[in-house]
Amino acid sequence: MFRNPESNDRSTEQFRKLFIGGLNPQTTESNLREYYGQWGDIVDAVVMKDKRSSRSKGFGFVTYKEPEMVDAAQAQRP
């Protein structure tokens, strides 16, 4: 059976993605990048929005380049 060598690699996205809850409705992806960028290189930032109203759902995600950056952000979380 063939196994993907990256399937258990800590560099996979699931280990580089940080959930951010309790966001102010006016928070943007740029705000997330600016604030969370202090702990490392961000490859993606998204604020989840309602499809119909385009209003923020109050949470989002930041994906870092390396898993260690998530650890650093969590250690300093507000």
N, C-alpha and C. Protein backbone atom coordinates (compact mmCIF):
# COMPACT_ATOMS: atom_id res chain seq x y z
N MET A 1 0.85 -1.18 0.00
CA MET A 1 0.00 0.00 0.00
C MET A 1 0.89 1.24 0.00
N PHE A 2 0.61 2.17 -0.86
CA PHE A 2 1.37 3.42 -0.95
C PHE A 2 0.86 4.41 0.08
N ARG A 3 1.80 5.01 0.82
CA ARG A 3 1.44 6.03 1.80
C ARG A 3 2.10 7.33 1.42
N ASN A 4 1.36 8.37 1.56
CA ASN A 4 1.90 9.70 1.30
C ASN A 4 2.88 10.03 2.42
N PRO A 5 4.16 10.29 2.09
CA PRO A 5 5.13 10.59 3.15
C PRO A 5 4.82 11.85 3.93
N GLU A 6 4.00 12.72 3.38
CA GLU A 6 3.66 13.96 4.07
C GLU A 6 2.43 13.82 4.95
N SER A 7 1.76 12.68 4.92
CA SER A 7 0.50 12.54 5.66
C SER A 7 0.67 12.70 7.17
N ASN A 8 1.83 12.35 7.69
CA ASN A 8 2.07 12.51 9.12
C ASN A 8 3.08 13.61 9.42
N ASP A 9 3.38 14.41 8.45
CA ASP A 9 4.37 15.47 8.57
C ASP A 9 3.76 16.67 9.29
N ARG A 10 4.51 17.21 10.29
CA ARG A 10 4.00 18.37 11.04
C ARG A 10 3.90 19.61 10.18
N SER A 11 4.43 19.57 8.98
CA SER A 11 4.33 20.75 8.12
C SER A 11 3.00 20.78 7.36
N THR A 12 2.16 19.73 7.51
CA THR A 12 0.88 19.75 6.84
C THR A 12 0.01 20.88 7.39
N GLU A 13 -0.94 21.29 6.60
CA GLU A 13 -1.75 22.46 6.94
C GLU A 13 -2.45 22.36 8.29
N GLN A 14 -2.90 21.18 8.66
CA GLN A 14 -3.63 21.05 9.93
C GLN A 14 -2.80 21.45 11.13
N PHE A 15 -1.49 21.37 11.03
CA PHE A 15 -0.62 21.75 12.14
C PHE A 15 -0.15 23.20 12.03
N ARG A 16 -0.45 23.83 10.90
CA ARG A 16 -0.03 25.21 10.69
C ARG A 16 -1.19 26.19 10.80
N LYS A 17 -2.41 25.67 10.97
CA LYS A 17 -3.61 26.51 10.99
C LYS A 17 -4.05 26.80 12.42
N LEU A 18 -4.33 28.07 12.67
CA LEU A 18 -4.74 28.54 13.99
C LEU A 18 -6.18 29.06 13.92
N PHE A 19 -7.06 28.51 14.76
CA PHE A 19 -8.43 29.00 14.87
C PHE A 19 -8.42 30.25 15.74
N ILE A 20 -9.16 31.26 15.31
CA ILE A 20 -9.27 32.50 16.08
C ILE A 20 -10.75 32.81 16.26
N GLY A 21 -11.22 32.77 17.49
CA GLY A 21 -12.62 33.01 17.79
C GLY A 21 -12.83 34.34 18.48
N GLY A 22 -14.09 34.73 18.60
CA GLY A 22 -14.45 35.96 19.30
C GLY A 22 -14.02 37.22 18.59
N LEU A 23 -14.01 37.18 17.27
CA LEU A 23 -13.58 38.35 16.51
C LEU A 23 -14.63 39.45 16.51
N ASN A 24 -14.16 40.67 16.56
CA ASN A 24 -15.01 41.84 16.37
C ASN A 24 -15.60 41.77 14.96
N PRO A 25 -16.86 42.12 14.76
CA PRO A 25 -17.46 42.05 13.42
C PRO A 25 -16.73 42.86 12.35
N GLN A 26 -15.96 43.86 12.75
CA GLN A 26 -15.23 44.68 11.78
C GLN A 26 -13.84 44.14 11.46
N THR A 27 -13.43 43.05 12.09
CA THR A 27 -12.10 42.49 11.84
C THR A 27 -12.00 41.99 10.40
N THR A 28 -10.88 42.33 9.75
CA THR A 28 -10.64 41.92 8.36
C THR A 28 -9.47 40.94 8.31
N GLU A 29 -9.29 40.33 7.13
CA GLU A 29 -8.14 39.46 6.91
C GLU A 29 -6.84 40.24 7.10
N SER A 30 -6.82 41.49 6.67
CA SER A 30 -5.63 42.33 6.85
C SER A 30 -5.31 42.53 8.32
N ASN A 31 -6.35 42.73 9.14
CA ASN A 31 -6.15 42.86 10.59
C ASN A 31 -5.52 41.60 11.17
N LEU A 32 -6.01 40.44 10.73
CA LEU A 32 -5.46 39.18 11.22
C LEU A 32 -4.00 39.04 10.83
N ARG A 33 -3.68 39.35 9.57
CA ARG A 33 -2.29 39.26 9.10
C ARG A 33 -1.38 40.20 9.88
N GLU A 34 -1.86 41.41 10.11
CA GLU A 34 -1.06 42.40 10.82
C GLU A 34 -0.77 41.96 12.26
N TYR A 35 -1.80 41.53 12.97
CA TYR A 35 -1.63 41.15 14.37
C TYR A 35 -0.87 39.83 14.52
N TYR A 36 -1.32 38.79 13.84
CA TYR A 36 -0.74 37.47 14.02
C TYR A 36 0.58 37.29 13.27
N GLY A 37 0.91 38.21 12.39
CA GLY A 37 2.17 38.16 11.68
C GLY A 37 3.38 38.36 12.57
N GLN A 38 3.17 38.88 13.76
CA GLN A 38 4.30 39.08 14.67
C GLN A 38 4.91 37.77 15.15
N TRP A 39 4.22 36.64 14.95
CA TRP A 39 4.74 35.35 15.38
C TRP A 39 5.23 34.49 14.22
N GLY A 40 5.20 35.02 13.00
CA GLY A 40 5.73 34.25 11.88
C GLY A 40 5.08 34.61 10.56
N ASP A 41 5.58 33.97 9.52
CA ASP A 41 5.10 34.20 8.16
C ASP A 41 3.73 33.56 7.96
N ILE A 42 2.77 34.35 7.52
CA ILE A 42 1.41 33.88 7.30
C ILE A 42 1.22 33.60 5.81
N VAL A 43 0.70 32.41 5.50
CA VAL A 43 0.43 32.07 4.11
C VAL A 43 -1.04 32.27 3.75
N ASP A 44 -1.91 32.34 4.77
CA ASP A 44 -3.33 32.58 4.50
C ASP A 44 -4.01 33.10 5.77
N ALA A 45 -4.95 33.98 5.59
CA ALA A 45 -5.77 34.49 6.69
C ALA A 45 -7.18 34.67 6.15
N VAL A 46 -8.15 34.20 6.92
CA VAL A 46 -9.54 34.30 6.47
C VAL A 46 -10.46 34.56 7.65
N VAL A 47 -11.40 35.47 7.44
CA VAL A 47 -12.49 35.72 8.39
C VAL A 47 -13.71 35.03 7.78
N MET A 48 -14.32 34.13 8.52
CA MET A 48 -15.48 33.42 8.00
C MET A 48 -16.69 34.35 7.99
N LYS A 49 -17.40 34.33 6.84
CA LYS A 49 -18.54 35.23 6.65
C LYS A 49 -19.78 34.47 6.23
N ASP A 50 -20.93 35.01 6.61
CA ASP A 50 -22.21 34.48 6.19
C ASP A 50 -22.34 34.66 4.68
N LYS A 51 -22.73 33.62 3.98
CA LYS A 51 -22.83 33.69 2.52
C LYS A 51 -23.89 34.68 2.03
N ARG A 52 -24.96 34.78 2.76
CA ARG A 52 -26.05 35.67 2.33
C ARG A 52 -25.79 37.13 2.65
N SER A 53 -25.36 37.40 3.87
CA SER A 53 -25.21 38.79 4.30
C SER A 53 -23.79 39.33 4.18
N SER A 54 -22.82 38.44 4.01
CA SER A 54 -21.39 38.79 3.97
C SER A 54 -20.89 39.36 5.30
N ARG A 55 -21.66 39.17 6.37
CA ARG A 55 -21.24 39.63 7.70
C ARG A 55 -20.35 38.57 8.33
N SER A 56 -19.42 39.03 9.15
CA SER A 56 -18.51 38.13 9.85
C SER A 56 -19.28 37.20 10.78
N LYS A 57 -18.83 35.95 10.83
CA LYS A 57 -19.40 34.99 11.77
C LYS A 57 -18.70 35.05 13.12
N GLY A 58 -17.69 35.92 13.24
CA GLY A 58 -17.01 36.09 14.52
C GLY A 58 -15.82 35.17 14.74
N PHE A 59 -15.41 34.46 13.70
CA PHE A 59 -14.22 33.62 13.83
C PHE A 59 -13.49 33.54 12.50
N GLY A 60 -12.27 33.07 12.57
CA GLY A 60 -11.46 32.95 11.36
C GLY A 60 -10.28 32.03 11.60
N PHE A 61 -9.39 32.00 10.61
CA PHE A 61 -8.22 31.13 10.66
C PHE A 61 -7.01 31.86 10.10
N VAL A 62 -5.86 31.57 10.67
CA VAL A 62 -4.59 32.04 10.15
C VAL A 62 -3.75 30.79 9.90
N THR A 63 -3.17 30.68 8.72
CA THR A 63 -2.29 29.56 8.40
C THR A 63 -0.86 30.08 8.29
N TYR A 64 0.00 29.53 9.12
CA TYR A 64 1.41 29.92 9.15
C TYR A 64 2.24 29.05 8.21
N LYS A 65 3.43 29.52 7.93
CA LYS A 65 4.37 28.78 7.08
C LYS A 65 4.90 27.54 7.79
N GLU A 66 5.11 27.64 9.11
CA GLU A 66 5.68 26.54 9.90
C GLU A 66 4.84 26.28 11.15
N PRO A 67 4.73 25.02 11.59
CA PRO A 67 3.94 24.70 12.78
C PRO A 67 4.41 25.40 14.05
N GLU A 68 5.71 25.64 14.15
CA GLU A 68 6.26 26.28 15.35
C GLU A 68 5.70 27.69 15.54
N MET A 69 5.30 28.31 14.46
CA MET A 69 4.74 29.67 14.52
C MET A 69 3.38 29.66 15.21
N VAL A 70 2.62 28.60 15.02
CA VAL A 70 1.33 28.44 15.71
C VAL A 70 1.59 28.33 17.21
N ASP A 71 2.59 27.54 17.57
CA ASP A 71 2.94 27.38 18.99
C ASP A 71 3.31 28.72 19.61
N ALA A 72 4.08 29.52 18.88
CA ALA A 72 4.49 30.84 19.39
C ALA A 72 3.28 31.75 19.58
N ALA A 73 2.36 31.74 18.62
CA ALA A 73 1.16 32.58 18.72
C ALA A 73 0.29 32.14 19.88
N GLN A 74 0.13 30.84 20.07
CA GLN A 74 -0.70 30.34 21.17
C GLN A 74 -0.08 30.67 22.52
N ALA A 75 1.22 30.66 22.61
CA ALA A 75 1.88 30.97 23.87
C ALA A 75 1.67 32.43 24.28
N GLN A 76 1.42 33.30 23.31
CA GLN A 76 1.25 34.73 23.58
C GLN A 76 -0.18 35.21 23.35
N ARG A 77 -1.11 34.30 23.21
CA ARG A 77 -2.48 34.70 22.86
C ARG A 77 -3.05 35.69 23.86
N PRO A 78 -3.85 36.62 23.32
CA PRO A 78 -4.43 37.66 24.18
C PRO A 78 -5.52 37.11 25.09
